[in-house]
Amino acid sequence: MGSSSIVLAVVALATAAIAFKLVRGGIGSAVFIVTVRGEGVDGVHVQGTVPGKTSSDMQDFVARMELPVGAKIWAVRDGDGVRLRFNAKVPDNLQQRTRNFIGT
């Protein structure tokens, strides 16, 4: 097996791993996605439906946490409910506060 074949095999495995992550719990399979694009309520974008909350409730909640631009919160189906996911810009203590707010 030549070095180019090894590189192709590694690239194929990495691509498969990324695709698997997107399908199993990644943003690609999200029920809703909340993205911080700027300051205040107007800087919080909600895509999809947050179970038991209105978009404005979620925008207000996230705006009060004062997360940095680029922070993301999303939920994927997990049995009868949803499981929240966060990117690295959401600190652990605010992740728990979000779980409490959503009720997961």
PDB file of N, CA and C in Angstrom:
ATOM      1  N   MET A   1       0.855  -1.171   0.000  1.00  0.00           N
ATOM      2  CA  MET A   1       0.000   0.000   0.000  1.00  0.00           C
ATOM      3  C   MET A   1       0.902   1.235   0.000  1.00  0.00           C
ATOM      4  N   GLY A   2       0.738   2.086  -1.000  1.00  0.00           N
ATOM      5  CA  GLY A   2       1.559   3.284  -1.105  1.00  0.00           C
ATOM      6  C   GLY A   2       1.111   4.368  -0.151  1.00  0.00           C
ATOM      7  N   SER A   3       1.933   5.400  -0.029  1.00  0.00           N
ATOM      8  CA  SER A   3       1.612   6.490   0.901  1.00  0.00           C
ATOM      9  C   SER A   3       0.349   7.238   0.483  1.00  0.00           C
ATOM     10  N   SER A   4       0.085   7.345  -0.813  1.00  0.00           N
ATOM     11  CA  SER A   4      -1.141   8.033  -1.251  1.00  0.00           C
ATOM     12  C   SER A   4      -2.378   7.213  -0.894  1.00  0.00           C
ATOM     13  N   SER A   5      -2.262   5.895  -0.903  1.00  0.00           N
ATOM     14  CA  SER A   5      -3.383   5.043  -0.499  1.00  0.00           C
ATOM     15  C   SER A   5      -3.672   5.181   0.989  1.00  0.00           C
ATOM     16  N   ILE A   6      -2.622   5.299   1.764  1.00  0.00           N
ATOM     17  CA  ILE A   6      -2.794   5.470   3.211  1.00  0.00           C
ATOM     18  C   ILE A   6      -3.474   6.807   3.499  1.00  0.00           C
ATOM     19  N   VAL A   7      -3.037   7.849   2.818  1.00  0.00           N
ATOM     20  CA  VAL A   7      -3.641   9.171   3.000  1.00  0.00           C
ATOM     21  C   VAL A   7      -5.117   9.126   2.615  1.00  0.00           C
ATOM     22  N   LEU A   8      -5.449   8.488   1.514  1.00  0.00           N
ATOM     23  CA  LEU A   8      -6.846   8.371   1.093  1.00  0.00           C
ATOM     24  C   LEU A   8      -7.676   7.599   2.114  1.00  0.00           C
ATOM     25  N   ALA A   9      -7.094   6.545   2.684  1.00  0.00           N
ATOM     26  CA  ALA A   9      -7.811   5.762   3.692  1.00  0.00           C
ATOM     27  C   ALA A   9      -8.067   6.595   4.944  1.00  0.00           C
ATOM     28  N   VAL A  10      -7.086   7.368   5.368  1.00  0.00           N
ATOM     29  CA  VAL A  10      -7.246   8.223   6.549  1.00  0.00           C
ATOM     30  C   VAL A  10      -8.309   9.287   6.289  1.00  0.00           C
ATOM     31  N   VAL A  11      -8.282   9.902   5.125  1.00  0.00           N
ATOM     32  CA  VAL A  11      -9.281  10.916   4.766  1.00  0.00           C
ATOM     33  C   VAL A  11     -10.674  10.294   4.735  1.00  0.00           C
ATOM     34  N   ALA A  12     -10.804   9.107   4.194  1.00  0.00           N
ATOM     35  CA  ALA A  12     -12.103   8.434   4.137  1.00  0.00           C
ATOM     36  C   ALA A  12     -12.627   8.141   5.539  1.00  0.00           C
ATOM     37  N   LEU A  13     -11.759   7.668   6.427  1.00  0.00           N
ATOM     38  CA  LEU A  13     -12.175   7.385   7.797  1.00  0.00           C
ATOM     39  C   LEU A  13     -12.578   8.665   8.531  1.00  0.00           C
ATOM     40  N   ALA A  14     -11.830   9.727   8.344  1.00  0.00           N
ATOM     41  CA  ALA A  14     -12.163  11.005   8.989  1.00  0.00           C
ATOM     42  C   ALA A  14     -13.498  11.533   8.480  1.00  0.00           C
ATOM     43  N   THR A  15     -13.729  11.430   7.196  1.00  0.00           N
ATOM     44  CA  THR A  15     -14.995  11.872   6.606  1.00  0.00           C
ATOM     45  C   THR A  15     -16.150  11.054   7.149  1.00  0.00           C
ATOM     46  N   ALA A  16     -15.971   9.761   7.272  1.00  0.00           N
ATOM     47  CA  ALA A  16     -17.027   8.899   7.815  1.00  0.00           C
ATOM     48  C   ALA A  16     -17.314   9.240   9.274  1.00  0.00           C
ATOM     49  N   ALA A  17     -16.271   9.515  10.050  1.00  0.00           N
ATOM     50  CA  ALA A  17     -16.459   9.871  11.463  1.00  0.00           C
ATOM     51  C   ALA A  17     -17.225  11.183  11.603  1.00  0.00           C
ATOM     52  N   ILE A  18     -16.894  12.157  10.779  1.00  0.00           N
ATOM     53  CA  ILE A  18     -17.591  13.449  10.825  1.00  0.00           C
ATOM     54  C   ILE A  18     -19.053  13.258  10.426  1.00  0.00           C
ATOM     55  N   ALA A  19     -19.297  12.519   9.374  1.00  0.00           N
ATOM     56  CA  ALA A  19     -20.677  12.278   8.932  1.00  0.00           C
ATOM     57  C   ALA A  19     -21.471  11.558  10.011  1.00  0.00           C
ATOM     58  N   PHE A  20     -20.869  10.585  10.671  1.00  0.00           N
ATOM     59  CA  PHE A  20     -21.546   9.856  11.748  1.00  0.00           C
ATOM     60  C   PHE A  20     -21.900  10.801  12.891  1.00  0.00           C
ATOM     61  N   LYS A  21     -20.978  11.674  13.261  1.00  0.00           N
ATOM     62  CA  LYS A  21     -21.235  12.624  14.346  1.00  0.00           C
ATOM     63  C   LYS A  21     -22.375  13.570  13.986  1.00  0.00           C
ATOM     64  N   LEU A  22     -22.427  14.023  12.749  1.00  0.00           N
ATOM     65  CA  LEU A  22     -23.497  14.931  12.336  1.00  0.00           C
ATOM     66  C   LEU A  22     -24.856  14.255  12.394  1.00  0.00           C
ATOM     67  N   VAL A  23     -24.892  12.974  12.094  1.00  0.00           N
ATOM     68  CA  VAL A  23     -26.158  12.255  12.119  1.00  0.00           C
ATOM     69  C   VAL A  23     -26.540  11.868  13.543  1.00  0.00           C
ATOM     70  N   ARG A  24     -25.581  11.481  14.355  1.00  0.00           N
ATOM     71  CA  ARG A  24     -25.835  11.014  15.718  1.00  0.00           C
ATOM     72  C   ARG A  24     -25.507  12.102  16.731  1.00  0.00           C
ATOM     73  N   GLY A  25     -26.377  13.096  16.866  1.00  0.00           N
ATOM     74  CA  GLY A  25     -26.190  14.089  17.904  1.00  0.00           C
ATOM     75  C   GLY A  25     -25.577  15.386  17.450  1.00  0.00           C
ATOM     76  N   GLY A  26     -25.246  15.481  16.202  1.00  0.00           N
ATOM     77  CA  GLY A  26     -24.680  16.725  15.704  1.00  0.00           C
ATOM     78  C   GLY A  26     -25.757  17.709  15.296  1.00  0.00           C
ATOM     79  N   ILE A  27     -25.331  18.861  14.855  1.00  0.00           N
ATOM     80  CA  ILE A  27     -26.260  19.916  14.476  1.00  0.00           C
ATOM     81  C   ILE A  27     -27.152  19.484  13.311  1.00  0.00           C
ATOM     82  N   GLY A  28     -26.647  18.607  12.452  1.00  0.00           N
ATOM     83  CA  GLY A  28     -27.435  18.173  11.303  1.00  0.00           C
ATOM     84  C   GLY A  28     -28.731  17.470  11.667  1.00  0.00           C
ATOM     85  N   SER A  29     -28.807  16.926  12.879  1.00  0.00           N
ATOM     86  CA  SER A  29     -30.020  16.224  13.305  1.00  0.00           C
ATOM     87  C   SER A  29     -30.761  16.989  14.410  1.00  0.00           C
ATOM     88  N   ALA A  30     -30.520  18.281  14.513  1.00  0.00           N
ATOM     89  CA  ALA A  30     -31.068  19.074  15.617  1.00  0.00           C
ATOM     90  C   ALA A  30     -32.561  19.334  15.494  1.00  0.00           C
ATOM     91  N   VAL A  31     -33.236  19.310  16.648  1.00  0.00           N
ATOM     92  CA  VAL A  31     -34.642  19.694  16.763  1.00  0.00           C
ATOM     93  C   VAL A  31     -34.724  21.225  16.752  1.00  0.00           C
ATOM     94  N   PHE A  32     -33.775  21.849  17.447  1.00  0.00           N
ATOM     95  CA  PHE A  32     -33.646  23.303  17.399  1.00  0.00           C
ATOM     96  C   PHE A  32     -32.180  23.675  17.557  1.00  0.00           C
ATOM     97  N   ILE A  33     -31.855  24.877  17.075  1.00  0.00           N
ATOM     98  CA  ILE A  33     -30.505  25.420  17.184  1.00  0.00           C
ATOM     99  C   ILE A  33     -30.631  26.869  17.635  1.00  0.00           C
ATOM    100  N   VAL A  34     -29.878  27.233  18.652  1.00  0.00           N
ATOM    101  CA  VAL A  34     -29.820  28.613  19.117  1.00  0.00           C
ATOM    102  C   VAL A  34     -28.388  29.094  18.882  1.00  0.00           C
ATOM    103  N   THR A  35     -28.252  30.201  18.160  1.00  0.00           N
ATOM    104  CA  THR A  35     -26.937  30.743  17.833  1.00  0.00           C
ATOM    105  C   THR A  35     -26.849  32.183  18.306  1.00  0.00           C
ATOM    106  N   VAL A  36     -25.756  32.509  18.982  1.00  0.00           N
ATOM    107  CA  VAL A  36     -25.516  33.899  19.390  1.00  0.00           C
ATOM    108  C   VAL A  36     -24.764  34.578  18.251  1.00  0.00           C
ATOM    109  N   ARG A  37     -25.416  35.598  17.670  1.00  0.00           N
ATOM    110  CA  ARG A  37     -24.827  36.332  16.546  1.00  0.00           C
ATOM    111  C   ARG A  37     -24.436  37.755  16.921  1.00  0.00           C
ATOM    112  N   GLY A  38     -24.869  38.185  18.091  1.00  0.00           N
ATOM    113  CA  GLY A  38     -24.575  39.550  18.525  1.00  0.00           C
ATOM    114  C   GLY A  38     -25.078  39.739  19.944  1.00  0.00           C
ATOM    115  N   GLU A  39     -25.183  40.987  20.360  1.00  0.00           N
ATOM    116  CA  GLU A  39     -25.588  41.302  21.728  1.00  0.00           C
ATOM    117  C   GLU A  39     -27.101  41.415  21.851  1.00  0.00           C
ATOM    118  N   GLY A  40     -27.595  41.152  23.045  1.00  0.00           N
ATOM    119  CA  GLY A  40     -29.009  41.327  23.353  1.00  0.00           C
ATOM    120  C   GLY A  40     -29.901  40.297  22.685  1.00  0.00           C
ATOM    121  N   VAL A  41     -31.190  40.501  22.872  1.00  0.00           N
ATOM    122  CA  VAL A  41     -32.196  39.576  22.335  1.00  0.00           C
ATOM    123  C   VAL A  41     -32.117  39.499  20.815  1.00  0.00           C
ATOM    124  N   ASP A  42     -31.885  40.633  20.161  1.00  0.00           N
ATOM    125  CA  ASP A  42     -31.816  40.641  18.693  1.00  0.00           C
ATOM    126  C   ASP A  42     -30.610  39.880  18.157  1.00  0.00           C
ATOM    127  N   GLY A  43     -29.608  39.649  19.006  1.00  0.00           N
ATOM    128  CA  GLY A  43     -28.417  38.917  18.584  1.00  0.00           C
ATOM    129  C   GLY A  43     -28.527  37.413  18.760  1.00  0.00           C
ATOM    130  N   VAL A  44     -29.674  36.950  19.261  1.00  0.00           N
ATOM    131  CA  VAL A  44     -29.882  35.512  19.485  1.00  0.00           C
ATOM    132  C   VAL A  44     -30.839  34.989  18.421  1.00  0.00           C
ATOM    133  N   HIS A  45     -30.381  34.021  17.633  1.00  0.00           N
ATOM    134  CA  HIS A  45     -31.198  33.439  16.561  1.00  0.00           C
ATOM    135  C   HIS A  45     -31.653  32.042  16.973  1.00  0.00           C
ATOM    136  N   VAL A  46     -32.958  31.799  16.890  1.00  0.00           N
ATOM    137  CA  VAL A  46     -33.527  30.487  17.219  1.00  0.00           C
ATOM    138  C   VAL A  46     -34.083  29.876  15.943  1.00  0.00           C
ATOM    139  N   GLN A  47     -33.608  28.686  15.621  1.00  0.00           N
ATOM    140  CA  GLN A  47     -34.093  27.946  14.456  1.00  0.00           C
ATOM    141  C   GLN A  47     -34.732  26.661  14.967  1.00  0.00           C
ATOM    142  N   GLY A  48     -35.963  26.392  14.560  1.00  0.00           N
ATOM    143  CA  GLY A  48     -36.669  25.207  15.026  1.00  0.00           C
ATOM    144  C   GLY A  48     -37.555  25.543  16.211  1.00  0.00           C
ATOM    145  N   THR A  49     -38.084  24.497  16.847  1.00  0.00           N
ATOM    146  CA  THR A  49     -39.007  24.663  17.966  1.00  0.00           C
ATOM    147  C   THR A  49     -38.395  24.119  19.248  1.00  0.00           C
ATOM    148  N   VAL A  50     -38.336  24.984  20.259  1.00  0.00           N
ATOM    149  CA  VAL A  50     -37.823  24.589  21.569  1.00  0.00           C
ATOM    150  C   VAL A  50     -38.997  24.025  22.360  1.00  0.00           C
ATOM    151  N   PRO A  51     -38.942  22.756  22.784  1.00  0.00           N
ATOM    152  CA  PRO A  51     -40.070  22.142  23.485  1.00  0.00           C
ATOM    153  C   PRO A  51     -40.489  22.937  24.729  1.00  0.00           C
ATOM    154  N   GLY A  52     -41.751  23.324  24.775  1.00  0.00           N
ATOM    155  CA  GLY A  52     -42.301  24.009  25.936  1.00  0.00           C
ATOM    156  C   GLY A  52     -41.928  25.473  26.076  1.00  0.00           C
ATOM    157  N   LYS A  53     -41.232  26.027  25.106  1.00  0.00           N
ATOM    158  CA  LYS A  53     -40.805  27.429  25.163  1.00  0.00           C
ATOM    159  C   LYS A  53     -41.155  28.131  23.863  1.00  0.00           C
ATOM    160  N   THR A  54     -41.365  29.438  23.956  1.00  0.00           N
ATOM    161  CA  THR A  54     -41.520  30.233  22.732  1.00  0.00           C
ATOM    162  C   THR A  54     -40.131  30.681  22.293  1.00  0.00           C
ATOM    163  N   SER A  55     -40.012  31.084  21.043  1.00  0.00           N
ATOM    164  CA  SER A  55     -38.729  31.593  20.550  1.00  0.00           C
ATOM    165  C   SER A  55     -38.292  32.812  21.347  1.00  0.00           C
ATOM    166  N   SER A  56     -39.246  33.684  21.684  1.00  0.00           N
ATOM    167  CA  SER A  56     -38.878  34.888  22.434  1.00  0.00           C
ATOM    168  C   SER A  56     -38.418  34.545  23.851  1.00  0.00           C
ATOM    169  N   ASP A  57     -39.020  33.518  24.481  1.00  0.00           N
ATOM    170  CA  ASP A  57     -38.549  33.064  25.798  1.00  0.00           C
ATOM    171  C   ASP A  57     -37.094  32.602  25.707  1.00  0.00           C
ATOM    172  N   MET A  58     -36.793  31.827  24.677  1.00  0.00           N
ATOM    173  CA  MET A  58     -35.443  31.290  24.512  1.00  0.00           C
ATOM    174  C   MET A  58     -34.453  32.402  24.200  1.00  0.00           C
ATOM    175  N   GLN A  59     -34.846  33.333  23.334  1.00  0.00           N
ATOM    176  CA  GLN A  59     -33.970  34.460  23.011  1.00  0.00           C
ATOM    177  C   GLN A  59     -33.643  35.264  24.269  1.00  0.00           C
ATOM    178  N   ASP A  60     -34.649  35.556  25.075  1.00  0.00           N
ATOM    179  CA  ASP A  60     -34.447  36.330  26.294  1.00  0.00           C
ATOM    180  C   ASP A  60     -33.529  35.580  27.264  1.00  0.00           C
ATOM    181  N   PHE A  61     -33.774  34.301  27.447  1.00  0.00           N
ATOM    182  CA  PHE A  61     -32.964  33.485  28.355  1.00  0.00           C
ATOM    183  C   PHE A  61     -31.498  33.489  27.928  1.00  0.00           C
ATOM    184  N   VAL A  62     -31.250  33.221  26.653  1.00  0.00           N
ATOM    185  CA  VAL A  62     -29.867  33.145  26.153  1.00  0.00           C
ATOM    186  C   VAL A  62     -29.202  34.526  26.199  1.00  0.00           C
ATOM    187  N   ALA A  63     -29.946  35.572  25.870  1.00  0.00           N
ATOM    188  CA  ALA A  63     -29.370  36.921  25.912  1.00  0.00           C
ATOM    189  C   ALA A  63     -28.918  37.280  27.328  1.00  0.00           C
ATOM    190  N   ARG A  64     -29.680  36.871  28.335  1.00  0.00           N
ATOM    191  CA  ARG A  64     -29.319  37.176  29.728  1.00  0.00           C
ATOM    192  C   ARG A  64     -28.062  36.433  30.171  1.00  0.00           C
ATOM    193  N   MET A  65     -27.712  35.339  29.499  1.00  0.00           N
ATOM    194  CA  MET A  65     -26.491  34.607  29.856  1.00  0.00           C
ATOM    195  C   MET A  65     -25.241  35.304  29.332  1.00  0.00           C
ATOM    196  N   GLU A  66     -25.406  36.256  28.421  1.00  0.00           N
ATOM    197  CA  GLU A  66     -24.291  37.030  27.858  1.00  0.00           C
ATOM    198  C   GLU A  66     -23.189  36.133  27.291  1.00  0.00           C
ATOM    199  N   LEU A  67     -23.608  35.177  26.468  1.00  0.00           N
ATOM    200  CA  LEU A  67     -22.656  34.280  25.809  1.00  0.00           C
ATOM    201  C   LEU A  67     -21.937  35.022  24.688  1.00  0.00           C
ATOM    202  N   PRO A  68     -20.728  34.588  24.327  1.00  0.00           N
ATOM    203  CA  PRO A  68     -20.006  35.247  23.242  1.00  0.00           C
ATOM    204  C   PRO A  68     -20.604  34.910  21.879  1.00  0.00           C
ATOM    205  N   VAL A  69     -20.337  35.780  20.913  1.00  0.00           N
ATOM    206  CA  VAL A  69     -20.766  35.525  19.539  1.00  0.00           C
ATOM    207  C   VAL A  69     -20.176  34.192  19.101  1.00  0.00           C
ATOM    208  N   GLY A  70     -20.994  33.396  18.447  1.00  0.00           N
ATOM    209  CA  GLY A  70     -20.571  32.079  17.983  1.00  0.00           C
ATOM    210  C   GLY A  70     -21.001  30.938  18.889  1.00  0.00           C
ATOM    211  N   ALA A  71     -21.510  31.262  20.087  1.00  0.00           N
ATOM    212  CA  ALA A  71     -21.991  30.215  20.991  1.00  0.00           C
ATOM    213  C   ALA A  71     -23.212  29.545  20.371  1.00  0.00           C
ATOM    214  N   LYS A  72     -23.297  28.225  20.518  1.00  0.00           N
ATOM    215  CA  LYS A  72     -24.426  27.458  19.971  1.00  0.00           C
ATOM    216  C   LYS A  72     -24.945  26.478  21.004  1.00  0.00           C
ATOM    217  N   ILE A  73     -26.269  26.365  21.003  1.00  0.00           N
ATOM    218  CA  ILE A  73     -26.971  25.378  21.829  1.00  0.00           C
ATOM    219  C   ILE A  73     -27.922  24.674  20.878  1.00  0.00           C
ATOM    220  N   TRP A  74     -27.938  23.348  20.904  1.00  0.00           N
ATOM    221  CA  TRP A  74     -28.884  22.629  20.064  1.00  0.00           C
ATOM    222  C   TRP A  74     -29.380  21.397  20.793  1.00  0.00           C
ATOM    223  N   ALA A  75     -30.450  20.840  20.293  1.00  0.00           N
ATOM    224  CA  ALA A  75     -31.034  19.646  20.905  1.00  0.00           C
ATOM    225  C   ALA A  75     -31.265  18.586  19.841  1.00  0.00           C
ATOM    226  N   VAL A  76     -31.011  17.351  20.223  1.00  0.00           N
ATOM    227  CA  VAL A  76     -31.269  16.201  19.350  1.00  0.00           C
ATOM    228  C   VAL A  76     -32.242  15.278  20.058  1.00  0.00           C
ATOM    229  N   ARG A  77     -33.010  14.544  19.308  1.00  0.00           N
ATOM    230  CA  ARG A  77     -33.965  13.596  19.888  1.00  0.00           C
ATOM    231  C   ARG A  77     -33.225  12.525  20.675  1.00  0.00           C
ATOM    232  N   ASP A  78     -33.813  12.166  21.812  1.00  0.00           N
ATOM    233  CA  ASP A  78     -33.253  11.124  22.671  1.00  0.00           C
ATOM    234  C   ASP A  78     -34.428  10.397  23.310  1.00  0.00           C
ATOM    235  N   GLY A  79     -34.830   9.313  22.715  1.00  0.00           N
ATOM    236  CA  GLY A  79     -36.018   8.604  23.201  1.00  0.00           C
ATOM    237  C   GLY A  79     -37.245   9.479  23.013  1.00  0.00           C
ATOM    238  N   ASP A  80     -37.989   9.710  24.102  1.00  0.00           N
ATOM    239  CA  ASP A  80     -39.183  10.552  24.035  1.00  0.00           C
ATOM    240  C   ASP A  80     -38.870  12.028  24.238  1.00  0.00           C
ATOM    241  N   GLY A  81     -37.648  12.358  24.572  1.00  0.00           N
ATOM    242  CA  GLY A  81     -37.291  13.741  24.853  1.00  0.00           C
ATOM    243  C   GLY A  81     -36.178  14.235  23.949  1.00  0.00           C
ATOM    244  N   VAL A  82     -35.460  15.225  24.446  1.00  0.00           N
ATOM    245  CA  VAL A  82     -34.325  15.769  23.703  1.00  0.00           C
ATOM    246  C   VAL A  82     -33.101  15.815  24.609  1.00  0.00           C
ATOM    247  N   ARG A  83     -31.941  15.789  23.991  1.00  0.00           N
ATOM    248  CA  ARG A  83     -30.662  15.926  24.702  1.00  0.00           C
ATOM    249  C   ARG A  83     -30.005  17.194  24.190  1.00  0.00           C
ATOM    250  N   LEU A  84     -29.610  18.064  25.107  1.00  0.00           N
ATOM    251  CA  LEU A  84     -28.979  19.316  24.720  1.00  0.00           C
ATOM    252  C   LEU A  84     -27.505  19.105  24.420  1.00  0.00           C
ATOM    253  N   ARG A  85     -27.028  19.849  23.434  1.00  0.00           N
ATOM    254  CA  ARG A  85     -25.619  19.856  23.046  1.00  0.00           C
ATOM    255  C   ARG A  85     -25.156  21.315  23.036  1.00  0.00           C
ATOM    256  N   PHE A  86     -23.864  21.519  23.265  1.00  0.00           N
ATOM    257  CA  PHE A  86     -23.314  22.861  23.343  1.00  0.00           C
ATOM    258  C   PHE A  86     -21.957  22.880  22.653  1.00  0.00           C
ATOM    259  N   ASN A  87     -21.632  24.020  22.019  1.00  0.00           N
ATOM    260  CA  ASN A  87     -20.271  24.124  21.523  1.00  0.00           C
ATOM    261  C   ASN A  87     -19.376  24.616  22.659  1.00  0.00           C
ATOM    262  N   ALA A  88     -18.090  24.715  22.406  1.00  0.00           N
ATOM    263  CA  ALA A  88     -17.120  25.036  23.452  1.00  0.00           C
ATOM    264  C   ALA A  88     -17.272  26.447  24.018  1.00  0.00           C
ATOM    265  N   LYS A  89     -18.033  27.312  23.373  1.00  0.00           N
ATOM    266  CA  LYS A  89     -18.199  28.691  23.844  1.00  0.00           C
ATOM    267  C   LYS A  89     -19.239  28.824  24.953  1.00  0.00           C
ATOM    268  N   VAL A  90     -19.884  27.709  25.327  1.00  0.00           N
ATOM    269  CA  VAL A  90     -20.882  27.734  26.402  1.00  0.00           C
ATOM    270  C   VAL A  90     -20.263  27.060  27.631  1.00  0.00           C
ATOM    271  N   PRO A  91     -19.970  27.840  28.700  1.00  0.00           N
ATOM    272  CA  PRO A  91     -19.349  27.270  29.900  1.00  0.00           C
ATOM    273  C   PRO A  91     -20.242  26.221  30.574  1.00  0.00           C
ATOM    274  N   ASP A  92     -19.616  25.310  31.310  1.00  0.00           N
ATOM    275  CA  ASP A  92     -20.338  24.213  31.970  1.00  0.00           C
ATOM    276  C   ASP A  92     -21.484  24.697  32.852  1.00  0.00           C
ATOM    277  N   ASN A  93     -21.254  25.744  33.653  1.00  0.00           N
ATOM    278  CA  ASN A  93     -22.312  26.215  34.553  1.00  0.00           C
ATOM    279  C   ASN A  93     -23.514  26.750  33.777  1.00  0.00           C
ATOM    280  N   LEU A  94     -23.281  27.344  32.617  1.00  0.00           N
ATOM    281  CA  LEU A  94     -24.392  27.837  31.806  1.00  0.00           C
ATOM    282  C   LEU A  94     -25.060  26.703  31.038  1.00  0.00           C
ATOM    283  N   GLN A  95     -24.332  25.639  30.783  1.00  0.00           N
ATOM    284  CA  GLN A  95     -24.945  24.457  30.181  1.00  0.00           C
ATOM    285  C   GLN A  95     -25.984  23.890  31.141  1.00  0.00           C
ATOM    286  N   GLN A  96     -25.615  23.778  32.418  1.00  0.00           N
ATOM    287  CA  GLN A  96     -26.562  23.249  33.399  1.00  0.00           C
ATOM    288  C   GLN A  96     -27.754  24.181  33.570  1.00  0.00           C
ATOM    289  N   ARG A  97     -27.517  25.477  33.579  1.00  0.00           N
ATOM    290  CA  ARG A  97     -28.615  26.437  33.693  1.00  0.00           C
ATOM    291  C   ARG A  97     -29.583  26.280  32.519  1.00  0.00           C
ATOM    292  N   THR A  98     -29.043  26.014  31.329  1.00  0.00           N
ATOM    293  CA  THR A  98     -29.884  25.816  30.149  1.00  0.00           C
ATOM    294  C   THR A  98     -30.683  24.520  30.272  1.00  0.00           C
ATOM    295  N   ARG A  99     -30.056  23.456  30.759  1.00  0.00           N
ATOM    296  CA  ARG A  99     -30.789  22.199  30.965  1.00  0.00           C
ATOM    297  C   ARG A  99     -31.946  22.407  31.931  1.00  0.00           C
ATOM    298  N   ASN A 100     -31.711  23.159  32.999  1.00  0.00           N
ATOM    299  CA  ASN A 100     -32.768  23.443  33.968  1.00  0.00           C
ATOM    300  C   ASN A 100     -33.900  24.247  33.322  1.00  0.00           C
ATOM    301  N   PHE A 101     -33.555  25.220  32.500  1.00  0.00           N
ATOM    302  CA  PHE A 101     -34.559  26.067  31.841  1.00  0.00           C
ATOM    303  C   PHE A 101     -35.420  25.255  30.872  1.00  0.00           C
ATOM    304  N   ILE A 102     -34.765  24.384  30.084  1.00  0.00           N
ATOM    305  CA  ILE A 102     -35.480  23.570  29.089  1.00  0.00           C
ATOM    306  C   ILE A 102     -36.214  22.425  29.768  1.00  0.00           C
ATOM    307  N   GLY A 103     -35.685  21.946  30.878  1.00  0.00           N
ATOM    308  CA  GLY A 103     -36.327  20.835  31.586  1.00  0.00           C
ATOM    309  C   GLY A 103     -35.837  19.481  31.133  1.00  0.00           C
ATOM    310  N   THR A 104     -34.551  19.398  30.777  1.00  0.00           N
ATOM    311  CA  THR A 104     -33.980  18.100  30.367  1.00  0.00           C
ATOM    312  C   THR A 104     -33.070  17.553  31.425  1.00  0.00           C
TER     313      THR A 104
END
